[in-house]
Amino acid sequence: MSLVPILTSDQFSSVDQPALAQGVNAYGEVLNTWAGIGNSPGLLATYLPFLGKLNGPGAVEGRLKDLVAVRIAVLNHCRYTASHRCTSALAKGVEVDELGAVASGKLEGFTEEERLALQLAEEMTVMLPTVSVDDGLTGVSASVRDGVQRVFDAAQLVELVMCISMWNALSRFHRVMAFELDMPKPPAPVDAQL
């Protein structure tokens, strides 16, 4: 059961109605995460455009953004986020076996850019909260930080780090809120890692 009420479309504030209409136009329904966010009037109006910009076309290709988001969802044990990001990844042509490899952390079959982005996502999710500033200013290893700086330009790095940060926040939000799935269950090899 969700931590907060799941609003129906007529229960959203007037300030959130335009963003909600755009979301429903894109997805055909009110997603549970929106229905939860709607409990804080005005938040959806900011959240959806920002998430759309971050997940939409940009400096980093959509496939990479989804692979990173799936890894983060698994590391945070969030079935709701995994469901959404796997659905998106599969629509972009990512194979189920690739999602399973990402979920289990087996990165050998991925490009250098994908491996480095996935390693950065893992370190930002798992290591960063445990590394003091005295032990590591950035909270990630120098080898991964140097690697991503070598293969990604400044625009890509900003988008990638923001994407990783956003999916960490959202997967934790989704998990604590305990939203019921509104997209297909994650593929079996991903679900097994949750």
C-alpha atoms as a PDB file:
ATOM      1  CA  MET A   1       0.000   0.000   0.000  1.00  0.00           C
ATOM      2  CA  SER A   2       1.292   3.414  -0.969  1.00  0.00           C
ATOM      3  CA  LEU A   3       2.569   5.718   1.759  1.00  0.00           C
ATOM      4  CA  VAL A   4       0.352   8.534   0.426  1.00  0.00           C
ATOM      5  CA  PRO A   5      -3.024   8.599  -1.334  1.00  0.00           C
ATOM      6  CA  ILE A   6      -2.991   7.872  -5.069  1.00  0.00           C
ATOM      7  CA  LEU A   7      -4.847  10.803  -6.594  1.00  0.00           C
ATOM      8  CA  THR A   8      -7.235  10.610  -9.509  1.00  0.00           C
ATOM      9  CA  SER A   9      -6.731  13.154 -12.292  1.00  0.00           C
ATOM     10  CA  ASP A  10      -9.520  15.406 -11.010  1.00  0.00           C
ATOM     11  CA  GLN A  11      -7.832  15.629  -7.585  1.00  0.00           C
ATOM     12  CA  PHE A  12      -4.640  17.292  -8.883  1.00  0.00           C
ATOM     13  CA  SER A  13      -4.208  21.013  -8.282  1.00  0.00           C
ATOM     14  CA  SER A  14      -4.925  23.388 -11.143  1.00  0.00           C
ATOM     15  CA  VAL A  15      -1.227  24.299 -11.339  1.00  0.00           C
ATOM     16  CA  ASP A  16      -0.374  20.627 -12.015  1.00  0.00           C
ATOM     17  CA  GLN A  17      -3.143  19.989 -14.565  1.00  0.00           C
ATOM     18  CA  PRO A  18      -1.157  21.073 -17.686  1.00  0.00           C
ATOM     19  CA  ALA A  19       1.800  18.814 -16.814  1.00  0.00           C
ATOM     20  CA  LEU A  20      -0.573  15.989 -15.944  1.00  0.00           C
ATOM     21  CA  ALA A  21      -2.350  16.367 -19.298  1.00  0.00           C
ATOM     22  CA  GLN A  22       1.002  16.164 -21.137  1.00  0.00           C
ATOM     23  CA  GLY A  23       1.969  13.075 -19.149  1.00  0.00           C
ATOM     24  CA  VAL A  24      -1.340  11.336 -19.787  1.00  0.00           C
ATOM     25  CA  ASN A  25      -1.054  12.242 -23.477  1.00  0.00           C
ATOM     26  CA  ALA A  26       2.364  10.541 -23.580  1.00  0.00           C
ATOM     27  CA  TYR A  27       1.556   7.483 -21.443  1.00  0.00           C
ATOM     28  CA  GLY A  28      -2.200   7.095 -21.773  1.00  0.00           C
ATOM     29  CA  GLU A  29      -2.797   7.067 -18.031  1.00  0.00           C
ATOM     30  CA  VAL A  30      -1.912   8.721 -14.737  1.00  0.00           C
ATOM     31  CA  LEU A  31       1.175   6.916 -13.489  1.00  0.00           C
ATOM     32  CA  ASN A  32       1.254   6.105  -9.791  1.00  0.00           C
ATOM     33  CA  THR A  33       4.364   8.178  -9.167  1.00  0.00           C
ATOM     34  CA  TRP A  34       2.543  11.250 -10.521  1.00  0.00           C
ATOM     35  CA  ALA A  35      -0.528  10.366  -8.493  1.00  0.00           C
ATOM     36  CA  GLY A  36       1.629  10.338  -5.381  1.00  0.00           C
ATOM     37  CA  ILE A  37       3.542  13.505  -6.272  1.00  0.00           C
ATOM     38  CA  GLY A  38       0.200  15.251  -6.841  1.00  0.00           C
ATOM     39  CA  ASN A  39      -0.274  15.324  -3.071  1.00  0.00           C
ATOM     40  CA  SER A  40       2.203  18.226  -3.046  1.00  0.00           C
ATOM     41  CA  PRO A  41       0.536  20.874  -5.263  1.00  0.00           C
ATOM     42  CA  GLY A  42       2.866  22.407  -7.819  1.00  0.00           C
ATOM     43  CA  LEU A  43       5.556  19.722  -7.585  1.00  0.00           C
ATOM     44  CA  LEU A  44       4.373  17.752 -10.631  1.00  0.00           C
ATOM     45  CA  ALA A  45       4.453  20.933 -12.740  1.00  0.00           C
ATOM     46  CA  THR A  46       8.193  21.158 -12.047  1.00  0.00           C
ATOM     47  CA  TYR A  47       9.020  17.452 -11.891  1.00  0.00           C
ATOM     48  CA  LEU A  48       7.643  16.267 -15.234  1.00  0.00           C
ATOM     49  CA  PRO A  49       9.313  18.886 -17.462  1.00  0.00           C
ATOM     50  CA  PHE A  50      12.639  18.389 -15.690  1.00  0.00           C
ATOM     51  CA  LEU A  51      12.466  14.605 -15.934  1.00  0.00           C
ATOM     52  CA  GLY A  52      11.389  14.866 -19.557  1.00  0.00           C
ATOM     53  CA  LYS A  53      14.377  17.075 -20.347  1.00  0.00           C
ATOM     54  CA  LEU A  54      16.788  14.807 -18.488  1.00  0.00           C
ATOM     55  CA  ASN A  55      15.467  11.562 -20.017  1.00  0.00           C
ATOM     56  CA  GLY A  56      14.782  12.993 -23.456  1.00  0.00           C
ATOM     57  CA  PRO A  57      17.226  13.556 -26.295  1.00  0.00           C
ATOM     58  CA  GLY A  58      20.393  15.192 -25.124  1.00  0.00           C
ATOM     59  CA  ALA A  59      24.144  14.830 -24.914  1.00  0.00           C
ATOM     60  CA  VAL A  60      23.894  11.221 -23.655  1.00  0.00           C
ATOM     61  CA  GLU A  61      22.047   8.620 -25.709  1.00  0.00           C
ATOM     62  CA  GLY A  62      18.803   7.204 -24.319  1.00  0.00           C
ATOM     63  CA  ARG A  63      20.087   3.624 -24.220  1.00  0.00           C
ATOM     64  CA  LEU A  64      22.887   4.607 -21.849  1.00  0.00           C
ATOM     65  CA  LYS A  65      20.522   6.593 -19.626  1.00  0.00           C
ATOM     66  CA  ASP A  66      18.218   3.575 -19.314  1.00  0.00           C
ATOM     67  CA  LEU A  67      21.068   1.127 -18.618  1.00  0.00           C
ATOM     68  CA  VAL A  68      22.319   3.403 -15.832  1.00  0.00           C
ATOM     69  CA  ALA A  69      18.804   3.809 -14.419  1.00  0.00           C
ATOM     70  CA  VAL A  70      18.222   0.038 -14.380  1.00  0.00           C
ATOM     71  CA  ARG A  71      21.511  -0.505 -12.517  1.00  0.00           C
ATOM     72  CA  ILE A  72      20.555   2.132  -9.962  1.00  0.00           C
ATOM     73  CA  ALA A  73      17.059   0.666  -9.531  1.00  0.00           C
ATOM     74  CA  VAL A  74      18.593  -2.745  -8.826  1.00  0.00           C
ATOM     75  CA  LEU A  75      21.186  -1.361  -6.417  1.00  0.00           C
ATOM     76  CA  ASN A  76      18.384   0.434  -4.543  1.00  0.00           C
ATOM     77  CA  HIS A  77      16.114  -2.637  -4.800  1.00  0.00           C
ATOM     78  CA  CYS A  78      13.270  -0.639  -6.340  1.00  0.00           C
ATOM     79  CA  ARG A  79      10.877  -2.742  -8.426  1.00  0.00           C
ATOM     80  CA  TYR A  80       8.799   0.280  -9.496  1.00  0.00           C
ATOM     81  CA  THR A  81      11.771   2.149 -10.988  1.00  0.00           C
ATOM     82  CA  ALA A  82      13.127  -1.066 -12.528  1.00  0.00           C
ATOM     83  CA  SER A  83       9.741  -1.668 -14.146  1.00  0.00           C
ATOM     84  CA  HIS A  84       9.682   1.782 -15.741  1.00  0.00           C
ATOM     85  CA  ARG A  85      13.311   1.859 -16.862  1.00  0.00           C
ATOM     86  CA  CYS A  86      13.255  -1.702 -18.235  1.00  0.00           C
ATOM     87  CA  THR A  87      10.099  -0.877 -20.197  1.00  0.00           C
ATOM     88  CA  SER A  88      11.843   2.193 -21.620  1.00  0.00           C
ATOM     89  CA  ALA A  89      15.067   0.291 -22.374  1.00  0.00           C
ATOM     90  CA  LEU A  90      13.256  -2.547 -24.130  1.00  0.00           C
ATOM     91  CA  ALA A  91      11.402   0.011 -26.276  1.00  0.00           C
ATOM     92  CA  LYS A  92      14.805   1.428 -27.291  1.00  0.00           C
ATOM     93  CA  GLY A  93      16.036  -1.997 -28.427  1.00  0.00           C
ATOM     94  CA  VAL A  94      17.979  -3.078 -25.340  1.00  0.00           C
ATOM     95  CA  GLU A  95      17.834  -6.873 -25.069  1.00  0.00           C
ATOM     96  CA  VAL A  96      16.618  -8.743 -21.985  1.00  0.00           C
ATOM     97  CA  ASP A  97      20.008 -10.442 -21.619  1.00  0.00           C
ATOM     98  CA  GLU A  98      21.680  -7.010 -21.589  1.00  0.00           C
ATOM     99  CA  LEU A  99      19.309  -5.884 -18.827  1.00  0.00           C
ATOM    100  CA  GLY A 100      20.120  -9.048 -16.908  1.00  0.00           C
ATOM    101  CA  ALA A 101      23.844  -8.377 -17.269  1.00  0.00           C
ATOM    102  CA  VAL A 102      23.381  -4.800 -16.032  1.00  0.00           C
ATOM    103  CA  ALA A 103      21.289  -6.020 -13.100  1.00  0.00           C
ATOM    104  CA  SER A 104      23.939  -8.535 -12.053  1.00  0.00           C
ATOM    105  CA  GLY A 105      26.855  -6.155 -12.660  1.00  0.00           C
ATOM    106  CA  LYS A 106      28.383  -8.263 -15.442  1.00  0.00           C
ATOM    107  CA  LEU A 107      29.617  -5.500 -17.718  1.00  0.00           C
ATOM    108  CA  GLU A 108      32.074  -7.315 -20.001  1.00  0.00           C
ATOM    109  CA  GLY A 109      29.807  -7.199 -23.077  1.00  0.00           C
ATOM    110  CA  PHE A 110      29.255  -3.443 -22.989  1.00  0.00           C
ATOM    111  CA  THR A 111      31.175  -0.622 -24.667  1.00  0.00           C
ATOM    112  CA  GLU A 112      33.833   1.258 -22.740  1.00  0.00           C
ATOM    113  CA  GLU A 113      31.500   4.247 -22.375  1.00  0.00           C
ATOM    114  CA  GLU A 114      28.680   2.047 -21.077  1.00  0.00           C
ATOM    115  CA  ARG A 115      30.967   0.229 -18.632  1.00  0.00           C
ATOM    116  CA  LEU A 116      32.380   3.475 -17.257  1.00  0.00           C
ATOM    117  CA  ALA A 117      28.930   5.053 -16.919  1.00  0.00           C
ATOM    118  CA  LEU A 118      27.630   1.951 -15.143  1.00  0.00           C
ATOM    119  CA  GLN A 119      30.669   1.893 -12.845  1.00  0.00           C
ATOM    120  CA  LEU A 120      30.121   5.572 -12.044  1.00  0.00           C
ATOM    121  CA  ALA A 121      26.449   4.864 -11.324  1.00  0.00           C
ATOM    122  CA  GLU A 122      27.384   2.041  -8.966  1.00  0.00           C
ATOM    123  CA  GLU A 123      29.987   4.073  -7.128  1.00  0.00           C
ATOM    124  CA  MET A 124      27.657   7.061  -6.796  1.00  0.00           C
ATOM    125  CA  THR A 125      24.912   4.772  -5.482  1.00  0.00           C
ATOM    126  CA  VAL A 126      26.898   2.503  -3.182  1.00  0.00           C
ATOM    127  CA  MET A 127      30.254   4.106  -2.344  1.00  0.00           C
ATOM    128  CA  LEU A 128      29.512   7.822  -2.255  1.00  0.00           C
ATOM    129  CA  PRO A 129      27.271   7.650   0.849  1.00  0.00           C
ATOM    130  CA  THR A 130      29.981   5.784   2.756  1.00  0.00           C
ATOM    131  CA  VAL A 131      33.110   7.773   1.798  1.00  0.00           C
ATOM    132  CA  SER A 132      33.931  10.771   3.976  1.00  0.00           C
ATOM    133  CA  VAL A 133      35.282  13.945   2.398  1.00  0.00           C
ATOM    134  CA  ASP A 134      38.618  13.243   4.106  1.00  0.00           C
ATOM    135  CA  ASP A 135      38.767   9.818   2.448  1.00  0.00           C
ATOM    136  CA  GLY A 136      37.696  11.023  -0.991  1.00  0.00           C
ATOM    137  CA  LEU A 137      36.492  14.463  -1.942  1.00  0.00           C
ATOM    138  CA  THR A 138      34.148  13.239  -4.701  1.00  0.00           C
ATOM    139  CA  GLY A 139      33.157   9.946  -3.092  1.00  0.00           C
ATOM    140  CA  VAL A 140      34.064   7.973  -6.221  1.00  0.00           C
ATOM    141  CA  SER A 141      37.326   6.311  -7.190  1.00  0.00           C
ATOM    142  CA  ALA A 142      39.926   8.273  -9.120  1.00  0.00           C
ATOM    143  CA  SER A 143      40.069   5.559 -11.799  1.00  0.00           C
ATOM    144  CA  VAL A 144      36.360   5.795 -12.581  1.00  0.00           C
ATOM    145  CA  ARG A 145      36.351   9.581 -12.357  1.00  0.00           C
ATOM    146  CA  ASP A 146      39.363   9.813 -14.683  1.00  0.00           C
ATOM    147  CA  GLY A 147      37.799   7.261 -17.047  1.00  0.00           C
ATOM    148  CA  VAL A 148      34.509   9.093 -17.462  1.00  0.00           C
ATOM    149  CA  GLN A 149      36.333  12.402 -17.854  1.00  0.00           C
ATOM    150  CA  ARG A 150      38.398  10.838 -20.636  1.00  0.00           C
ATOM    151  CA  VAL A 151      35.489   9.407 -22.664  1.00  0.00           C
ATOM    152  CA  PHE A 152      32.698  11.945 -22.057  1.00  0.00           C
ATOM    153  CA  ASP A 153      32.704  15.670 -22.786  1.00  0.00           C
ATOM    154  CA  ALA A 154      31.524  18.294 -20.287  1.00  0.00           C
ATOM    155  CA  ALA A 155      27.904  18.342 -21.501  1.00  0.00           C
ATOM    156  CA  GLN A 156      27.726  14.546 -21.349  1.00  0.00           C
ATOM    157  CA  LEU A 157      29.270  14.458 -17.877  1.00  0.00           C
ATOM    158  CA  VAL A 158      26.773  16.945 -16.496  1.00  0.00           C
ATOM    159  CA  GLU A 159      23.858  15.033 -18.022  1.00  0.00           C
ATOM    160  CA  LEU A 160      25.215  11.648 -16.917  1.00  0.00           C
ATOM    161  CA  VAL A 161      25.916  12.677 -13.318  1.00  0.00           C
ATOM    162  CA  MET A 162      22.529  14.426 -13.115  1.00  0.00           C
ATOM    163  CA  CYS A 163      20.829  11.320 -14.528  1.00  0.00           C
ATOM    164  CA  ILE A 164      22.560   9.095 -11.981  1.00  0.00           C
ATOM    165  CA  SER A 165      21.654  11.492  -9.188  1.00  0.00           C
ATOM    166  CA  MET A 166      18.017  11.733 -10.308  1.00  0.00           C
ATOM    167  CA  TRP A 167      17.522   7.975 -10.572  1.00  0.00           C
ATOM    168  CA  ASN A 168      19.048   7.503  -7.140  1.00  0.00           C
ATOM    169  CA  ALA A 169      16.585  10.020  -5.744  1.00  0.00           C
ATOM    170  CA  LEU A 170      13.624   8.601  -7.663  1.00  0.00           C
ATOM    171  CA  SER A 171      14.340   4.946  -6.935  1.00  0.00           C
ATOM    172  CA  ARG A 172      14.536   5.752  -3.243  1.00  0.00           C
ATOM    173  CA  PHE A 173      11.380   7.863  -3.454  1.00  0.00           C
ATOM    174  CA  HIS A 174       9.518   5.122  -5.348  1.00  0.00           C
ATOM    175  CA  ARG A 175      10.652   2.388  -2.990  1.00  0.00           C
ATOM    176  CA  VAL A 176       9.667   4.216   0.198  1.00  0.00           C
ATOM    177  CA  MET A 177       6.351   5.317  -1.318  1.00  0.00           C
ATOM    178  CA  ALA A 178       5.601   1.661  -2.225  1.00  0.00           C
ATOM    179  CA  PHE A 179       3.765   2.438  -5.455  1.00  0.00           C
ATOM    180  CA  GLU A 180       2.080  -0.498  -7.161  1.00  0.00           C
ATOM    181  CA  LEU A 181       3.461  -1.300 -10.603  1.00  0.00           C
ATOM    182  CA  ASP A 182       1.731   0.506 -13.456  1.00  0.00           C
ATOM    183  CA  MET A 183       4.062  -0.844 -16.162  1.00  0.00           C
ATOM    184  CA  PRO A 184       5.092  -4.441 -16.872  1.00  0.00           C
ATOM    185  CA  LYS A 185       7.037  -6.304 -14.219  1.00  0.00           C
ATOM    186  CA  PRO A 186      10.809  -6.124 -14.838  1.00  0.00           C
ATOM    187  CA  PRO A 187      12.191  -9.027 -16.917  1.00  0.00           C
ATOM    188  CA  ALA A 188      12.997 -12.109 -14.817  1.00  0.00           C
ATOM    189  CA  PRO A 189      16.804 -11.620 -14.719  1.00  0.00           C
ATOM    190  CA  VAL A 190      16.319  -8.070 -13.444  1.00  0.00           C
ATOM    191  CA  ASP A 191      13.536  -8.946 -11.036  1.00  0.00           C
ATOM    192  CA  ALA A 192      15.702 -11.706  -9.536  1.00  0.00           C
ATOM    193  CA  GLN A 193      18.276  -9.086  -8.482  1.00  0.00           C
ATOM    194  CA  LEU A 194      15.746  -6.847  -6.720  1.00  0.00           C
END
